[in-house]
C-alpha atoms as a PDB file:
ATOM      1  CA  UNK A   1     111.970 107.982  87.901  1.00  0.00           C
ATOM      2  CA  UNK A   2     108.730 106.469  86.877  1.00  0.00           C
ATOM      3  CA  UNK A   3     108.090 103.023  88.237  1.00  0.00           C
ATOM      4  CA  UNK A   4     105.059 100.754  88.035  1.00  0.00           C
ATOM      5  CA  UNK A   5     102.920  99.851  90.960  1.00  0.00           C
ATOM      6  CA  UNK A   6     101.290  96.363  92.336  1.00  0.00           C
ATOM      7  CA  UNK A   7      97.876  96.383  93.446  1.00  0.00           C
ATOM      8  CA  UNK A   8      97.606  98.457  96.564  1.00  0.00           C
ATOM      9  CA  UNK A   9      95.004  95.920  98.023  1.00  0.00           C
ATOM     10  CA  UNK A  10      96.045  92.419  97.116  1.00  0.00           C
ATOM     11  CA  UNK A  11      99.730  92.966  95.651  1.00  0.00           C
ATOM     12  CA  UNK A  12      99.189  91.274  92.218  1.00  0.00           C
ATOM     13  CA  UNK A  13     100.620  92.826  89.041  1.00  0.00           C
ATOM     14  CA  UNK A  14      97.775  91.578  86.719  1.00  0.00           C
ATOM     15  CA  UNK A  15      95.402  94.475  85.927  1.00  0.00           C
ATOM     16  CA  UNK A  16      93.620  96.000  82.958  1.00  0.00           C
ATOM     17  CA  UNK A  17      94.010  99.379  81.873  1.00  0.00           C
ATOM     18  CA  UNK A  18      90.681 101.530  82.371  1.00  0.00           C
ATOM     19  CA  UNK A  19      91.713 105.160  81.539  1.00  0.00           C
ATOM     20  CA  UNK A  20      95.179 106.606  80.511  1.00  0.00           C
ATOM     21  CA  UNK A  21      96.035 110.346  80.723  1.00  0.00           C
ATOM     22  CA  UNK A  22      99.094 111.918  79.292  1.00  0.00           C
ATOM     23  CA  UNK A  23     100.499 115.170  80.966  1.00  0.00           C
ATOM     24  CA  UNK A  24      97.843 115.277  83.826  1.00  0.00           C
ATOM     25  CA  UNK A  25      98.251 118.317  86.038  1.00  0.00           C
ATOM     26  CA  UNK A  26      99.832 117.144  89.241  1.00  0.00           C
ATOM     27  CA  UNK A  27      97.700 119.538  91.232  1.00  0.00           C
ATOM     28  CA  UNK A  28      94.287 121.253  90.280  1.00  0.00           C
ATOM     29  CA  UNK A  29      95.025 124.107  92.667  1.00  0.00           C
ATOM     30  CA  UNK A  30      97.729 126.508  92.010  1.00  0.00           C
ATOM     31  CA  UNK A  31      98.290 130.269  92.721  1.00  0.00           C
ATOM     32  CA  UNK A  32      98.651 132.804  90.032  1.00  0.00           C
ATOM     33  CA  UNK A  33     102.348 133.133  90.490  1.00  0.00           C
ATOM     34  CA  UNK A  34     102.934 129.401  89.739  1.00  0.00           C
ATOM     35  CA  UNK A  35     105.294 128.814  86.870  1.00  0.00           C
ATOM     36  CA  UNK A  36     104.435 125.664  84.992  1.00  0.00           C
ATOM     37  CA  UNK A  37     107.090 123.444  84.029  1.00  0.00           C
ATOM     38  CA  UNK A  38     107.298 119.934  82.672  1.00  0.00           C
ATOM     39  CA  UNK A  39     107.649 118.664  86.386  1.00  0.00           C
ATOM     40  CA  UNK A  40     104.051 119.979  86.862  1.00  0.00           C
ATOM     41  CA  UNK A  41     102.560 117.098  84.903  1.00  0.00           C
ATOM     42  CA  UNK A  42     102.624 113.436  85.025  1.00  0.00           C
ATOM     43  CA  UNK A  43     101.124 110.318  83.555  1.00  0.00           C
ATOM     44  CA  UNK A  44      98.100 108.652  84.830  1.00  0.00           C
ATOM     45  CA  UNK A  45      97.270 105.108  83.929  1.00  0.00           C
ATOM     46  CA  UNK A  46      94.297 103.867  85.911  1.00  0.00           C
ATOM     47  CA  UNK A  47      94.022 100.068  85.862  1.00  0.00           C
ATOM     48  CA  UNK A  48      91.795  97.484  87.770  1.00  0.00           C
ATOM     49  CA  UNK A  49      92.951  94.703  89.519  1.00  0.00           C
ATOM     50  CA  UNK A  50      92.169  91.417  87.739  1.00  0.00           C
ATOM     51  CA  UNK A  51      92.149  89.554  91.195  1.00  0.00           C
ATOM     52  CA  UNK A  52      90.405  92.060  93.656  1.00  0.00           C
ATOM     53  CA  UNK A  53      88.991  94.541  91.372  1.00  0.00           C
ATOM     54  CA  UNK A  54      90.560  97.576  93.113  1.00  0.00           C
ATOM     55  CA  UNK A  55      91.203 100.557  90.695  1.00  0.00           C
ATOM     56  CA  UNK A  56      94.563 102.456  91.343  1.00  0.00           C
ATOM     57  CA  UNK A  57      97.080 104.573  89.322  1.00  0.00           C
ATOM     58  CA  UNK A  58      99.691 102.241  87.842  1.00  0.00           C
ATOM     59  CA  UNK A  59     102.382 104.706  87.590  1.00  0.00           C
ATOM     60  CA  UNK A  60     104.356 106.828  89.969  1.00  0.00           C
ATOM     61  CA  UNK A  61     107.449 108.775  90.387  1.00  0.00           C
ATOM     62  CA  UNK A  62     110.149 108.802  93.203  1.00  0.00           C
ATOM     63  CA  UNK A  63     109.055 111.305  95.922  1.00  0.00           C
ATOM     64  CA  UNK A  64     105.662 111.904  94.407  1.00  0.00           C
ATOM     65  CA  UNK A  65     103.728 111.006  97.700  1.00  0.00           C
ATOM     66  CA  UNK A  66     105.484 114.094  99.562  1.00  0.00           C
ATOM     67  CA  UNK A  67     105.785 116.456  96.744  1.00  0.00           C
ATOM     68  CA  UNK A  68     102.440 118.206  96.806  1.00  0.00           C
ATOM     69  CA  UNK A  69     102.404 118.573 100.643  1.00  0.00           C
ATOM     70  CA  UNK A  70     103.242 122.284 100.558  1.00  0.00           C
ATOM     71  CA  UNK A  71     101.624 123.060  97.278  1.00  0.00           C
ATOM     72  CA  UNK A  72      98.027 123.146  98.619  1.00  0.00           C
ATOM     73  CA  UNK A  73      95.876 122.210 101.596  1.00  0.00           C
ATOM     74  CA  UNK A  74      93.045 119.832 100.792  1.00  0.00           C
ATOM     75  CA  UNK A  75      89.367 120.140 102.039  1.00  0.00           C
ATOM     76  CA  UNK A  76      89.740 123.906 101.972  1.00  0.00           C
ATOM     77  CA  UNK A  77      86.007 125.419 101.519  1.00  0.00           C
ATOM     78  CA  UNK A  78      85.974 127.900  98.440  1.00  0.00           C
ATOM     79  CA  UNK A  79      82.191 128.520  98.583  1.00  0.00           C
ATOM     80  CA  UNK A  80      79.295 128.542 100.750  1.00  0.00           C
ATOM     81  CA  UNK A  81      77.932 125.164  99.666  1.00  0.00           C
ATOM     82  CA  UNK A  82      81.138 123.485 100.887  1.00  0.00           C
ATOM     83  CA  UNK A  83      80.866 125.225 104.122  1.00  0.00           C
ATOM     84  CA  UNK A  84      77.387 123.946 104.528  1.00  0.00           C
ATOM     85  CA  UNK A  85      78.604 120.445 103.522  1.00  0.00           C
ATOM     86  CA  UNK A  86      80.893 120.369 106.785  1.00  0.00           C
ATOM     87  CA  UNK A  87      78.072 121.660 109.030  1.00  0.00           C
ATOM     88  CA  UNK A  88      75.932 118.823 107.608  1.00  0.00           C
ATOM     89  CA  UNK A  89      78.733 116.375 108.237  1.00  0.00           C
ATOM     90  CA  UNK A  90      79.043 117.512 111.840  1.00  0.00           C
ATOM     91  CA  UNK A  91      75.107 117.082 112.168  1.00  0.00           C
ATOM     92  CA  UNK A  92      75.281 113.580 110.701  1.00  0.00           C
ATOM     93  CA  UNK A  93      78.089 112.385 113.033  1.00  0.00           C
ATOM     94  CA  UNK A  94      76.957 113.972 116.228  1.00  0.00           C
ATOM     95  CA  UNK A  95      73.071 113.392 115.961  1.00  0.00           C
ATOM     96  CA  UNK A  96      73.019 110.739 118.570  1.00  0.00           C
ATOM     97  CA  UNK A  97      76.000 111.790 120.878  1.00  0.00           C
ATOM     98  CA  UNK A  98      75.189 112.258 124.407  1.00  0.00           C
ATOM     99  CA  UNK A  99      78.444 113.975 125.190  1.00  0.00           C
ATOM    100  CA  UNK A 100      81.134 116.202 123.856  1.00  0.00           C
ATOM    101  CA  UNK A 101      83.388 114.132 121.721  1.00  0.00           C
ATOM    102  CA  UNK A 102      87.157 113.524 121.605  1.00  0.00           C
ATOM    103  CA  UNK A 103      87.804 113.761 117.881  1.00  0.00           C
ATOM    104  CA  UNK A 104      91.017 113.118 115.638  1.00  0.00           C
ATOM    105  CA  UNK A 105      90.980 114.454 112.019  1.00  0.00           C
ATOM    106  CA  UNK A 106      93.858 112.652 110.181  1.00  0.00           C
ATOM    107  CA  UNK A 107      95.063 114.561 107.053  1.00  0.00           C
ATOM    108  CA  UNK A 108      92.917 117.438 108.049  1.00  0.00           C
ATOM    109  CA  UNK A 109      94.017 119.662 105.160  1.00  0.00           C
ATOM    110  CA  UNK A 110      93.010 123.201 105.963  1.00  0.00           C
ATOM    111  CA  UNK A 111      91.229 122.080 109.239  1.00  0.00           C
ATOM    112  CA  UNK A 112      87.831 123.560 108.442  1.00  0.00           C
ATOM    113  CA  UNK A 113      86.067 120.424 109.114  1.00  0.00           C
ATOM    114  CA  UNK A 114      87.860 120.061 112.494  1.00  0.00           C
ATOM    115  CA  UNK A 115      87.182 123.768 113.311  1.00  0.00           C
ATOM    116  CA  UNK A 116      83.166 123.043 112.525  1.00  0.00           C
ATOM    117  CA  UNK A 117      83.361 120.314 115.302  1.00  0.00           C
ATOM    118  CA  UNK A 118      85.457 122.625 117.514  1.00  0.00           C
ATOM    119  CA  UNK A 119      82.878 125.459 117.445  1.00  0.00           C
ATOM    120  CA  UNK A 120      80.300 123.104 118.812  1.00  0.00           C
ATOM    121  CA  UNK A 121      82.323 122.304 121.704  1.00  0.00           C
ATOM    122  CA  UNK A 122      84.160 119.008 120.820  1.00  0.00           C
ATOM    123  CA  UNK A 123      87.574 118.233 121.794  1.00  0.00           C
ATOM    124  CA  UNK A 124      89.574 118.337 118.309  1.00  0.00           C
ATOM    125  CA  UNK A 125      93.050 117.236 117.484  1.00  0.00           C
ATOM    126  CA  UNK A 126      94.298 117.302 113.897  1.00  0.00           C
ATOM    127  CA  UNK A 127      97.166 115.415 112.162  1.00  0.00           C
ATOM    128  CA  UNK A 128      98.403 117.169 109.137  1.00  0.00           C
ATOM    129  CA  UNK A 129     101.779 117.282 107.676  1.00  0.00           C
ATOM    130  CA  UNK A 130     101.826 120.379 105.607  1.00  0.00           C
ATOM    131  CA  UNK A 131     103.697 123.224 106.795  1.00  0.00           C
ATOM    132  CA  UNK A 132     100.803 125.538 105.207  1.00  0.00           C
ATOM    133  CA  UNK A 133      98.120 124.682 107.918  1.00  0.00           C
ATOM    134  CA  UNK A 134      97.284 127.822 109.810  1.00  0.00           C
ATOM    135  CA  UNK A 135      98.029 126.586 113.183  1.00  0.00           C
ATOM    136  CA  UNK A 136      97.274 129.819 115.084  1.00  0.00           C
ATOM    137  CA  UNK A 137      93.870 130.215 113.549  1.00  0.00           C
ATOM    138  CA  UNK A 138      92.862 126.491 114.388  1.00  0.00           C
ATOM    139  CA  UNK A 139      94.338 127.045 118.043  1.00  0.00           C
ATOM    140  CA  UNK A 140      91.850 130.016 118.352  1.00  0.00           C
ATOM    141  CA  UNK A 141      88.875 127.493 117.622  1.00  0.00           C
ATOM    142  CA  UNK A 142      90.406 125.310 120.330  1.00  0.00           C
ATOM    143  CA  UNK A 143      91.868 122.863 117.731  1.00  0.00           C
ATOM    144  CA  UNK A 144      95.112 120.986 118.883  1.00  0.00           C
ATOM    145  CA  UNK A 145      97.434 120.784 115.623  1.00  0.00           C
ATOM    146  CA  UNK A 146      99.970 118.051 115.342  1.00  0.00           C
ATOM    147  CA  UNK A 147     102.129 118.691 112.205  1.00  0.00           C
ATOM    148  CA  UNK A 148     103.022 115.164 111.288  1.00  0.00           C
ATOM    149  CA  UNK A 149     102.110 112.246 109.132  1.00  0.00           C
ATOM    150  CA  UNK A 150     100.130 109.356 110.466  1.00  0.00           C
ATOM    151  CA  UNK A 151     100.489 107.489 112.350  1.00  0.00           C
ATOM    152  CA  UNK A 152     101.834 110.277 114.715  1.00  0.00           C
ATOM    153  CA  UNK A 153     104.222 109.003 117.594  1.00  0.00           C
ATOM    154  CA  UNK A 154     103.007 112.009 119.941  1.00  0.00           C
ATOM    155  CA  UNK A 155      99.321 110.503 119.823  1.00  0.00           C
ATOM    156  CA  UNK A 156     100.271 106.674 120.066  1.00  0.00           C
ATOM    157  CA  UNK A 157      98.727 106.326 123.420  1.00  0.00           C
ATOM    158  CA  UNK A 158      95.786 108.643 123.040  1.00  0.00           C
ATOM    159  CA  UNK A 159      92.031 107.110 122.191  1.00  0.00           C
ATOM    160  CA  UNK A 160      89.383 108.931 120.503  1.00  0.00           C
ATOM    161  CA  UNK A 161      85.598 108.651 120.295  1.00  0.00           C
ATOM    162  CA  UNK A 162      85.614 109.761 116.559  1.00  0.00           C
ATOM    163  CA  UNK A 163      88.406 109.643 113.907  1.00  0.00           C
ATOM    164  CA  UNK A 164      87.742 111.437 110.890  1.00  0.00           C
ATOM    165  CA  UNK A 165      89.373 110.298 107.618  1.00  0.00           C
ATOM    166  CA  UNK A 166      88.100 112.580 104.994  1.00  0.00           C
ATOM    167  CA  UNK A 167      89.594 112.418 101.208  1.00  0.00           C
ATOM    168  CA  UNK A 168      92.747 111.022 102.567  1.00  0.00           C
ATOM    169  CA  UNK A 169      92.740 107.025 102.091  1.00  0.00           C
ATOM    170  CA  UNK A 170      93.089 107.607  98.347  1.00  0.00           C
ATOM    171  CA  UNK A 171      96.372 109.166  98.763  1.00  0.00           C
ATOM    172  CA  UNK A 172      97.905 106.282 100.690  1.00  0.00           C
ATOM    173  CA  UNK A 173      99.931 103.554  99.290  1.00  0.00           C
ATOM    174  CA  UNK A 174      98.817 100.898 101.961  1.00  0.00           C
ATOM    175  CA  UNK A 175      94.990 101.683 102.457  1.00  0.00           C
ATOM    176  CA  UNK A 176      94.331  98.512 104.432  1.00  0.00           C
ATOM    177  CA  UNK A 177      97.310  99.018 107.003  1.00  0.00           C
ATOM    178  CA  UNK A 178      96.354 102.818 107.250  1.00  0.00           C
ATOM    179  CA  UNK A 179      92.604 101.975 108.214  1.00  0.00           C
ATOM    180  CA  UNK A 180      93.964  99.401 110.714  1.00  0.00           C
ATOM    181  CA  UNK A 181      96.261 101.842 112.403  1.00  0.00           C
ATOM    182  CA  UNK A 182      93.087 104.395 112.590  1.00  0.00           C
ATOM    183  CA  UNK A 183      91.153 101.454 114.403  1.00  0.00           C
ATOM    184  CA  UNK A 184      93.879 101.127 117.003  1.00  0.00           C
ATOM    185  CA  UNK A 185      93.404 104.754 117.970  1.00  0.00           C
ATOM    186  CA  UNK A 186      89.639 104.008 118.768  1.00  0.00           C
ATOM    187  CA  UNK A 187      88.416 104.245 122.194  1.00  0.00           C
ATOM    188  CA  UNK A 188      85.728 101.455 123.240  1.00  0.00           C
ATOM    189  CA  UNK A 189      82.457 102.093 120.933  1.00  0.00           C
ATOM    190  CA  UNK A 190      84.549 104.673 118.998  1.00  0.00           C
ATOM    191  CA  UNK A 191      83.712 105.338 115.261  1.00  0.00           C
ATOM    192  CA  UNK A 192      85.730 106.361 112.191  1.00  0.00           C
ATOM    193  CA  UNK A 193      84.227 108.389 109.624  1.00  0.00           C
ATOM    194  CA  UNK A 194      85.773 107.682 106.124  1.00  0.00           C
ATOM    195  CA  UNK A 195      85.314 109.739 102.828  1.00  0.00           C
ATOM    196  CA  UNK A 196      86.681 108.354  99.663  1.00  0.00           C
ATOM    197  CA  UNK A 197      86.162 108.962  95.941  1.00  0.00           C
ATOM    198  CA  UNK A 198      83.979 106.549  94.101  1.00  0.00           C
ATOM    199  CA  UNK A 199      85.508 104.150  91.588  1.00  0.00           C
ATOM    200  CA  UNK A 200      82.063 103.027  90.571  1.00  0.00           C
ATOM    201  CA  UNK A 201      81.655 106.553  89.471  1.00  0.00           C
ATOM    202  CA  UNK A 202      84.794 106.981  87.592  1.00  0.00           C
ATOM    203  CA  UNK A 203      84.070 103.607  85.624  1.00  0.00           C
ATOM    204  CA  UNK A 204      80.650 104.123  85.042  1.00  0.00           C
ATOM    205  CA  UNK A 205      80.781 107.697  83.863  1.00  0.00           C
ATOM    206  CA  UNK A 206      84.510 107.565  82.161  1.00  0.00           C
ATOM    207  CA  UNK A 207      84.944 110.803  84.354  1.00  0.00           C
ATOM    208  CA  UNK A 208      88.343 112.307  83.581  1.00  0.00           C
ATOM    209  CA  UNK A 209      87.455 115.434  85.538  1.00  0.00           C
ATOM    210  CA  UNK A 210      87.082 113.228  88.773  1.00  0.00           C
ATOM    211  CA  UNK A 211      90.550 111.700  88.312  1.00  0.00           C
ATOM    212  CA  UNK A 212      93.378 113.654  90.125  1.00  0.00           C
ATOM    213  CA  UNK A 213      96.889 112.837  89.949  1.00  0.00           C
ATOM    214  CA  UNK A 214      97.565 112.719  93.918  1.00  0.00           C
ATOM    215  CA  UNK A 215      95.020 110.020  94.023  1.00  0.00           C
ATOM    216  CA  UNK A 216      96.572 106.517  94.240  1.00  0.00           C
ATOM    217  CA  UNK A 217      93.224 104.650  94.629  1.00  0.00           C
ATOM    218  CA  UNK A 218      89.459 104.814  93.518  1.00  0.00           C
ATOM    219  CA  UNK A 219      87.432 102.435  95.701  1.00  0.00           C
ATOM    220  CA  UNK A 220      84.658 100.534  94.135  1.00  0.00           C
ATOM    221  CA  UNK A 221      81.966  99.447  96.542  1.00  0.00           C
ATOM    222  CA  UNK A 222      82.998  95.740  96.527  1.00  0.00           C
ATOM    223  CA  UNK A 223      86.556  96.481  97.190  1.00  0.00           C
ATOM    224  CA  UNK A 224      86.007  98.929 100.039  1.00  0.00           C
ATOM    225  CA  UNK A 225      83.645  96.403 101.860  1.00  0.00           C
ATOM    226  CA  UNK A 226      86.352  93.612 101.386  1.00  0.00           C
ATOM    227  CA  UNK A 227      88.883  96.182 103.002  1.00  0.00           C
ATOM    228  CA  UNK A 228      86.519  96.742 105.962  1.00  0.00           C
ATOM    229  CA  UNK A 229      86.085  93.146 106.461  1.00  0.00           C
ATOM    230  CA  UNK A 230      89.901  92.421 106.017  1.00  0.00           C
ATOM    231  CA  UNK A 231      90.859  95.103 108.894  1.00  0.00           C
ATOM    232  CA  UNK A 232      87.891  94.030 111.223  1.00  0.00           C
ATOM    233  CA  UNK A 233      85.651  97.372 110.674  1.00  0.00           C
ATOM    234  CA  UNK A 234      81.944  97.279 110.226  1.00  0.00           C
ATOM    235  CA  UNK A 235      80.082  99.878 108.442  1.00  0.00           C
ATOM    236  CA  UNK A 236      77.007 100.951 110.451  1.00  0.00           C
ATOM    237  CA  UNK A 237      75.995 103.913 108.169  1.00  0.00           C
ATOM    238  CA  UNK A 238      76.715 105.401 104.885  1.00  0.00           C
ATOM    239  CA  UNK A 239      76.479 108.447 102.732  1.00  0.00           C
ATOM    240  CA  UNK A 240      76.153 109.163  98.973  1.00  0.00           C
ATOM    241  CA  UNK A 241      77.841 112.335  98.327  1.00  0.00           C
ATOM    242  CA  UNK A 242      78.154 114.712  95.433  1.00  0.00           C
ATOM    243  CA  UNK A 243      75.658 112.749  93.368  1.00  0.00           C
ATOM    244  CA  UNK A 244      77.689 109.490  93.809  1.00  0.00           C
ATOM    245  CA  UNK A 245      81.034 110.920  93.219  1.00  0.00           C
ATOM    246  CA  UNK A 246      82.223 110.417  96.922  1.00  0.00           C
ATOM    247  CA  UNK A 247      81.127 107.816  99.327  1.00  0.00           C
ATOM    248  CA  UNK A 248      81.020 108.232 103.228  1.00  0.00           C
ATOM    249  CA  UNK A 249      80.925 105.466 105.860  1.00  0.00           C
ATOM    250  CA  UNK A 250      80.620 105.514 109.641  1.00  0.00           C
ATOM    251  CA  UNK A 251      82.699 102.357 110.817  1.00  0.00           C
ATOM    252  CA  UNK A 252      82.973 100.657 114.023  1.00  0.00           C
ATOM    253  CA  UNK A 253      85.645  98.051 115.132  1.00  0.00           C
ATOM    254  CA  UNK A 254      84.608  94.578 115.254  1.00  0.00           C
ATOM    255  CA  UNK A 255      85.157  92.875 118.621  1.00  0.00           C
END
């Protein structure tokens, strides 16, 4: 059953339509054996909140949040440039580290980024609900795999130096509380690395190619900085990725 969403940041129902797509594919990654049916497509109506300016998909169907978990793994490198981007991310986040880090990768997808950190000697744990994740291969790199949704009960008493949240926040129905739970798992002076799709890019370029059905949100700069302030996180560094399509932030908790 298709329903209508309130703003995922402020809760208002007052919004303005930006882009509407009928019969959008629910996943951009399928195998050659996949049979396409009516259930393979859904409606997207991107709207912008009239109160806080957040951009989100107004429509959703029952159970859609979990429906794609075992269809594909996110953050899976398919070419050398994607592998290079992972290595650049490791360099960016560890340039000033004076020790091996305790790292948590939330919504790790394939775990490729986690493996890149583990190969350099860091202690890495991933949280990923998909049964498709190759736990054995990641274990071979020294990565601890927790097959669960975040927050994972088994990790509730653990603290980390660095928490990775890469292309995950846009899939969550409560982005503010999600970020807050990540902050709760930071050790003193720990950092969160957040990557998100840019709502500014989508609006300025009317970029249908960058609109994906599983994405509930697209974050404009004004909104994401407001979220940081709301959950007591301070951005200490940022990255402009893929010519502005994605944004990266290093965050620390405000004491």
